[in-house]
Amino acid sequence: MVTKRTLAKIGLMAVVFMAVLWLGAPMAMAAEGDAAAADTGSSGLASLGLGIGAGLAVGLAGIGTGLAQAGVGAGGTGTLAEKPELFGRVVALFAIPETIVILGFALGYLMFAKI
């Protein structure tokens, strides 16, 4: 039987795996050759730093959003069970943490585009 703790660990491993994949592309691009780096003016080390930053921005924003929505979802379910008329407020509170992951993705994309 799969417990909630096991599912949480699997989710965390998936986020870390996606962050590692996000980091792998810039490292592979930096290893292609120094000719491309000389044209753009960025070094391999700068590309590596931008790749790590982009991966951390997306991965940590996803983890933070998941933790925030877990609490809001549990509280919102209890609230709706007692007072269904508060549905709009619960939906608004549930949407607020989503902005964290959207902003993290946008920041990661901007970093990745600079490479």
N, C-alpha and C. Protein backbone atom coordinates (compact mmCIF):
# COMPACT_ATOMS: atom_id res chain seq x y z
N MET A 1 0.84 -1.18 0.00
CA MET A 1 0.00 0.00 0.00
C MET A 1 0.88 1.24 0.00
N VAL A 2 0.53 2.18 -0.83
CA VAL A 2 1.31 3.41 -0.95
C VAL A 2 0.75 4.45 0.02
N THR A 3 1.65 4.99 0.85
CA THR A 3 1.22 6.00 1.82
C THR A 3 1.45 7.40 1.27
N LYS A 4 0.91 8.38 1.97
CA LYS A 4 1.10 9.77 1.56
C LYS A 4 2.57 10.16 1.62
N ARG A 5 3.27 9.66 2.61
CA ARG A 5 4.69 9.99 2.75
C ARG A 5 5.49 9.45 1.56
N THR A 6 5.15 8.25 1.11
CA THR A 6 5.83 7.67 -0.04
C THR A 6 5.54 8.49 -1.30
N LEU A 7 4.30 8.92 -1.47
CA LEU A 7 3.96 9.75 -2.62
C LEU A 7 4.69 11.09 -2.57
N ALA A 8 4.83 11.65 -1.38
CA ALA A 8 5.55 12.91 -1.23
C ALA A 8 7.02 12.73 -1.61
N LYS A 9 7.62 11.63 -1.22
CA LYS A 9 9.02 11.36 -1.57
C LYS A 9 9.17 11.16 -3.07
N ILE A 10 8.23 10.47 -3.68
CA ILE A 10 8.29 10.27 -5.13
C ILE A 10 8.15 11.61 -5.85
N GLY A 11 7.25 12.47 -5.36
CA GLY A 11 7.10 13.79 -5.96
C GLY A 11 8.35 14.63 -5.83
N LEU A 12 9.00 14.57 -4.66
CA LEU A 12 10.23 15.31 -4.46
C LEU A 12 11.33 14.79 -5.39
N MET A 13 11.42 13.48 -5.55
CA MET A 13 12.41 12.92 -6.46
C MET A 13 12.14 13.35 -7.89
N ALA A 14 10.86 13.44 -8.28
CA ALA A 14 10.53 13.88 -9.64
C ALA A 14 10.94 15.33 -9.86
N VAL A 15 10.74 16.18 -8.84
CA VAL A 15 11.13 17.59 -8.96
C VAL A 15 12.64 17.71 -9.08
N VAL A 16 13.37 16.95 -8.26
CA VAL A 16 14.83 16.98 -8.33
C VAL A 16 15.32 16.46 -9.67
N PHE A 17 14.68 15.41 -10.17
CA PHE A 17 15.05 14.86 -11.48
C PHE A 17 14.83 15.89 -12.58
N MET A 18 13.71 16.61 -12.54
CA MET A 18 13.45 17.64 -13.54
C MET A 18 14.47 18.77 -13.43
N ALA A 19 14.87 19.12 -12.21
CA ALA A 19 15.88 20.17 -12.04
C ALA A 19 17.21 19.73 -12.62
N VAL A 20 17.56 18.46 -12.45
CA VAL A 20 18.81 17.94 -13.01
C VAL A 20 18.75 17.95 -14.53
N LEU A 21 17.60 17.59 -15.10
CA LEU A 21 17.45 17.66 -16.56
C LEU A 21 17.56 19.09 -17.04
N TRP A 22 17.01 20.02 -16.29
CA TRP A 22 17.07 21.44 -16.67
C TRP A 22 18.51 21.92 -16.66
N LEU A 23 19.31 21.37 -15.74
CA LEU A 23 20.71 21.76 -15.67
C LEU A 23 21.56 21.08 -16.74
N GLY A 24 21.15 19.92 -17.19
CA GLY A 24 21.97 19.17 -18.14
C GLY A 24 22.09 19.82 -19.49
N ALA A 25 21.04 20.49 -19.95
CA ALA A 25 21.06 21.11 -21.27
C ALA A 25 22.11 22.22 -21.36
N PRO A 26 22.19 23.16 -20.40
CA PRO A 26 23.22 24.18 -20.52
C PRO A 26 24.63 23.62 -20.43
N MET A 27 24.82 22.59 -19.61
CA MET A 27 26.16 22.00 -19.50
C MET A 27 26.55 21.34 -20.82
N ALA A 28 25.60 20.71 -21.48
CA ALA A 28 25.90 20.10 -22.78
C ALA A 28 26.18 21.17 -23.82
N MET A 29 25.44 22.26 -23.75
CA MET A 29 25.67 23.35 -24.69
C MET A 29 27.04 23.99 -24.45
N ALA A 30 27.45 24.10 -23.20
CA ALA A 30 28.75 24.70 -22.88
C ALA A 30 29.90 23.80 -23.34
N ALA A 31 29.63 22.50 -23.40
CA ALA A 31 30.68 21.56 -23.80
C ALA A 31 30.82 21.44 -25.32
N GLU A 32 29.94 22.07 -26.07
CA GLU A 32 29.98 21.96 -27.53
C GLU A 32 31.23 22.57 -28.12
N GLY A 33 31.72 23.61 -27.53
CA GLY A 33 32.93 24.21 -28.08
C GLY A 33 33.06 25.65 -27.64
N ASP A 34 34.29 26.14 -27.71
CA ASP A 34 34.55 27.50 -27.29
C ASP A 34 34.23 28.51 -28.39
N ALA A 35 34.05 28.06 -29.62
CA ALA A 35 33.75 28.98 -30.71
C ALA A 35 32.40 29.64 -30.50
N ALA A 36 31.42 28.87 -30.08
CA ALA A 36 30.09 29.43 -29.83
C ALA A 36 30.13 30.37 -28.63
N ALA A 37 30.92 30.03 -27.63
CA ALA A 37 31.03 30.89 -26.45
C ALA A 37 31.73 32.19 -26.79
N ALA A 38 32.69 32.14 -27.71
CA ALA A 38 33.39 33.36 -28.10
C ALA A 38 32.47 34.29 -28.88
N ASP A 39 31.54 33.72 -29.64
CA ASP A 39 30.61 34.55 -30.41
C ASP A 39 29.61 35.27 -29.51
N THR A 40 29.12 34.56 -28.49
CA THR A 40 28.10 35.16 -27.62
C THR A 40 28.71 35.95 -26.49
N GLY A 41 29.96 35.76 -26.19
CA GLY A 41 30.61 36.50 -25.12
C GLY A 41 30.42 35.88 -23.75
N SER A 42 29.83 34.68 -23.65
CA SER A 42 29.65 34.05 -22.35
C SER A 42 30.57 32.84 -22.24
N SER A 43 31.11 32.63 -21.06
CA SER A 43 32.01 31.51 -20.85
C SER A 43 31.22 30.28 -20.40
N GLY A 44 31.89 29.15 -20.39
CA GLY A 44 31.25 27.92 -19.94
C GLY A 44 30.85 27.98 -18.49
N LEU A 45 31.67 28.64 -17.66
CA LEU A 45 31.36 28.74 -16.24
C LEU A 45 30.13 29.62 -16.01
N ALA A 46 29.99 30.69 -16.79
CA ALA A 46 28.80 31.53 -16.67
C ALA A 46 27.56 30.77 -17.10
N SER A 47 27.69 29.97 -18.14
CA SER A 47 26.57 29.15 -18.60
C SER A 47 26.18 28.13 -17.55
N LEU A 48 27.18 27.56 -16.89
CA LEU A 48 26.91 26.60 -15.83
C LEU A 48 26.17 27.27 -14.68
N GLY A 49 26.61 28.46 -14.29
CA GLY A 49 25.94 29.17 -13.21
C GLY A 49 24.51 29.54 -13.56
N LEU A 50 24.29 29.98 -14.80
CA LEU A 50 22.93 30.30 -15.22
C LEU A 50 22.06 29.04 -15.26
N GLY A 51 22.64 27.93 -15.68
CA GLY A 51 21.87 26.68 -15.70
C GLY A 51 21.49 26.22 -14.32
N ILE A 52 22.43 26.32 -13.38
CA ILE A 52 22.13 25.93 -12.00
C ILE A 52 21.08 26.86 -11.42
N GLY A 53 21.20 28.15 -11.67
CA GLY A 53 20.22 29.11 -11.17
C GLY A 53 18.84 28.86 -11.74
N ALA A 54 18.77 28.56 -13.03
CA ALA A 54 17.47 28.29 -13.66
C ALA A 54 16.84 27.03 -13.08
N GLY A 55 17.65 25.99 -12.89
CA GLY A 55 17.12 24.76 -12.32
C GLY A 55 16.64 24.95 -10.89
N LEU A 56 17.40 25.70 -10.11
CA LEU A 56 16.98 25.96 -8.73
C LEU A 56 15.72 26.82 -8.69
N ALA A 57 15.61 27.79 -9.58
CA ALA A 57 14.42 28.65 -9.60
C ALA A 57 13.16 27.84 -9.86
N VAL A 58 13.22 26.96 -10.82
CA VAL A 58 12.04 26.17 -11.16
C VAL A 58 11.79 25.10 -10.11
N GLY A 59 12.83 24.38 -9.69
CA GLY A 59 12.66 23.29 -8.74
C GLY A 59 12.20 23.75 -7.37
N LEU A 60 12.83 24.77 -6.83
CA LEU A 60 12.45 25.24 -5.50
C LEU A 60 11.10 25.94 -5.52
N ALA A 61 10.78 26.62 -6.61
CA ALA A 61 9.44 27.22 -6.71
C ALA A 61 8.37 26.14 -6.75
N GLY A 62 8.65 25.05 -7.43
CA GLY A 62 7.69 23.94 -7.47
C GLY A 62 7.50 23.29 -6.11
N ILE A 63 8.60 23.10 -5.38
CA ILE A 63 8.49 22.52 -4.04
C ILE A 63 7.72 23.45 -3.11
N GLY A 64 8.03 24.74 -3.17
CA GLY A 64 7.33 25.70 -2.31
C GLY A 64 5.84 25.77 -2.62
N THR A 65 5.51 25.72 -3.90
CA THR A 65 4.10 25.75 -4.29
C THR A 65 3.38 24.50 -3.81
N GLY A 66 4.00 23.36 -3.93
CA GLY A 66 3.39 22.12 -3.47
C GLY A 66 3.13 22.14 -1.97
N LEU A 67 4.09 22.62 -1.21
CA LEU A 67 3.90 22.69 0.24
C LEU A 67 2.80 23.68 0.61
N ALA A 68 2.76 24.81 -0.08
CA ALA A 68 1.74 25.82 0.23
C ALA A 68 0.35 25.31 -0.14
N GLN A 69 0.23 24.67 -1.29
CA GLN A 69 -1.08 24.19 -1.71
C GLN A 69 -1.56 23.01 -0.88
N ALA A 70 -0.65 22.27 -0.29
CA ALA A 70 -1.08 21.18 0.59
C ALA A 70 -1.83 21.74 1.79
N GLY A 71 -1.30 22.78 2.40
CA GLY A 71 -1.97 23.39 3.55
C GLY A 71 -3.26 24.09 3.17
N VAL A 72 -3.23 24.83 2.07
CA VAL A 72 -4.43 25.55 1.64
C VAL A 72 -5.52 24.56 1.22
N GLY A 73 -5.14 23.50 0.54
CA GLY A 73 -6.13 22.52 0.10
C GLY A 73 -6.80 21.81 1.27
N ALA A 74 -6.01 21.45 2.28
CA ALA A 74 -6.59 20.78 3.45
C ALA A 74 -7.53 21.72 4.20
N GLY A 75 -7.08 22.95 4.40
CA GLY A 75 -7.93 23.91 5.09
C GLY A 75 -9.16 24.29 4.28
N GLY A 76 -8.98 24.43 2.98
CA GLY A 76 -10.11 24.80 2.11
C GLY A 76 -11.17 23.71 2.04
N THR A 77 -10.75 22.45 2.07
CA THR A 77 -11.71 21.36 2.04
C THR A 77 -12.56 21.37 3.30
N GLY A 78 -11.91 21.59 4.44
CA GLY A 78 -12.66 21.66 5.69
C GLY A 78 -13.61 22.85 5.73
N THR A 79 -13.15 23.97 5.20
CA THR A 79 -13.99 25.17 5.17
C THR A 79 -15.21 24.96 4.28
N LEU A 80 -15.00 24.37 3.12
CA LEU A 80 -16.12 24.15 2.21
C LEU A 80 -17.11 23.12 2.74
N ALA A 81 -16.63 22.20 3.55
CA ALA A 81 -17.55 21.23 4.14
C ALA A 81 -18.50 21.91 5.12
N GLU A 82 -18.02 22.93 5.81
CA GLU A 82 -18.85 23.62 6.80
C GLU A 82 -19.61 24.80 6.20
N LYS A 83 -18.96 25.57 5.31
CA LYS A 83 -19.58 26.77 4.73
C LYS A 83 -19.35 26.79 3.22
N PRO A 84 -20.24 26.17 2.45
CA PRO A 84 -20.05 26.13 1.00
C PRO A 84 -20.09 27.51 0.33
N GLU A 85 -20.65 28.50 0.99
CA GLU A 85 -20.74 29.84 0.39
C GLU A 85 -19.38 30.53 0.29
N LEU A 86 -18.34 29.99 0.93
CA LEU A 86 -16.99 30.57 0.88
C LEU A 86 -16.15 30.00 -0.27
N PHE A 87 -16.80 29.41 -1.26
CA PHE A 87 -16.08 28.76 -2.36
C PHE A 87 -15.16 29.74 -3.10
N GLY A 88 -15.62 30.94 -3.38
CA GLY A 88 -14.81 31.91 -4.11
C GLY A 88 -13.54 32.28 -3.37
N ARG A 89 -13.64 32.45 -2.06
CA ARG A 89 -12.44 32.79 -1.27
C ARG A 89 -11.46 31.63 -1.25
N VAL A 90 -11.97 30.41 -1.15
CA VAL A 90 -11.07 29.24 -1.12
C VAL A 90 -10.35 29.09 -2.46
N VAL A 91 -11.05 29.31 -3.55
CA VAL A 91 -10.42 29.21 -4.88
C VAL A 91 -9.35 30.29 -5.03
N ALA A 92 -9.65 31.50 -4.55
CA ALA A 92 -8.67 32.58 -4.63
C ALA A 92 -7.43 32.25 -3.79
N LEU A 93 -7.63 31.70 -2.61
CA LEU A 93 -6.49 31.34 -1.76
C LEU A 93 -5.70 30.18 -2.36
N PHE A 94 -6.38 29.30 -3.07
CA PHE A 94 -5.70 28.18 -3.70
C PHE A 94 -4.90 28.63 -4.92
N ALA A 95 -5.32 29.71 -5.58
CA ALA A 95 -4.63 30.20 -6.78
C ALA A 95 -3.39 31.02 -6.44
N ILE A 96 -3.32 31.59 -5.26
CA ILE A 96 -2.18 32.45 -4.90
C ILE A 96 -0.85 31.70 -4.95
N PRO A 97 -0.73 30.50 -4.38
CA PRO A 97 0.57 29.81 -4.46
C PRO A 97 0.97 29.43 -5.89
N GLU A 98 0.00 29.32 -6.80
CA GLU A 98 0.34 29.00 -8.19
C GLU A 98 1.22 30.08 -8.82
N THR A 99 1.06 31.32 -8.36
CA THR A 99 1.86 32.39 -8.92
C THR A 99 3.34 32.19 -8.61
N ILE A 100 3.63 31.52 -7.50
CA ILE A 100 5.03 31.28 -7.14
C ILE A 100 5.71 30.42 -8.20
N VAL A 101 5.08 29.34 -8.58
CA VAL A 101 5.70 28.45 -9.56
C VAL A 101 5.72 29.09 -10.94
N ILE A 102 4.73 29.90 -11.28
CA ILE A 102 4.73 30.59 -12.57
C ILE A 102 5.88 31.59 -12.62
N LEU A 103 6.08 32.34 -11.55
CA LEU A 103 7.19 33.29 -11.52
C LEU A 103 8.54 32.58 -11.51
N GLY A 104 8.63 31.45 -10.80
CA GLY A 104 9.86 30.66 -10.82
C GLY A 104 10.17 30.13 -12.21
N PHE A 105 9.14 29.69 -12.92
CA PHE A 105 9.34 29.21 -14.29
C PHE A 105 9.77 30.35 -15.20
N ALA A 106 9.15 31.52 -15.04
CA ALA A 106 9.51 32.66 -15.89
C ALA A 106 10.95 33.08 -15.63
N LEU A 107 11.36 33.11 -14.37
CA LEU A 107 12.74 33.46 -14.02
C LEU A 107 13.71 32.42 -14.58
N GLY A 108 13.37 31.15 -14.43
CA GLY A 108 14.21 30.10 -14.99
C GLY A 108 14.34 30.17 -16.49
N TYR A 109 13.23 30.52 -17.16
CA TYR A 109 13.27 30.64 -18.62
C TYR A 109 14.17 31.82 -19.03
N LEU A 110 14.07 32.94 -18.32
CA LEU A 110 14.90 34.08 -18.65
C LEU A 110 16.38 33.77 -18.45
N MET A 111 16.70 33.03 -17.39
CA MET A 111 18.10 32.64 -17.17
C MET A 111 18.56 31.68 -18.26
N PHE A 112 17.71 30.74 -18.59
CA PHE A 112 18.06 29.75 -19.61
C PHE A 112 18.23 30.40 -20.97
N ALA A 113 17.47 31.44 -21.25
CA ALA A 113 17.55 32.12 -22.54
C ALA A 113 18.85 32.94 -22.67
N LYS A 114 19.45 33.31 -21.54
CA LYS A 114 20.70 34.07 -21.59
C LYS A 114 21.91 33.22 -21.93
N ILE A 115 21.76 31.93 -21.85
CA ILE A 115 22.91 31.04 -22.06
C ILE A 115 23.28 31.03 -23.54
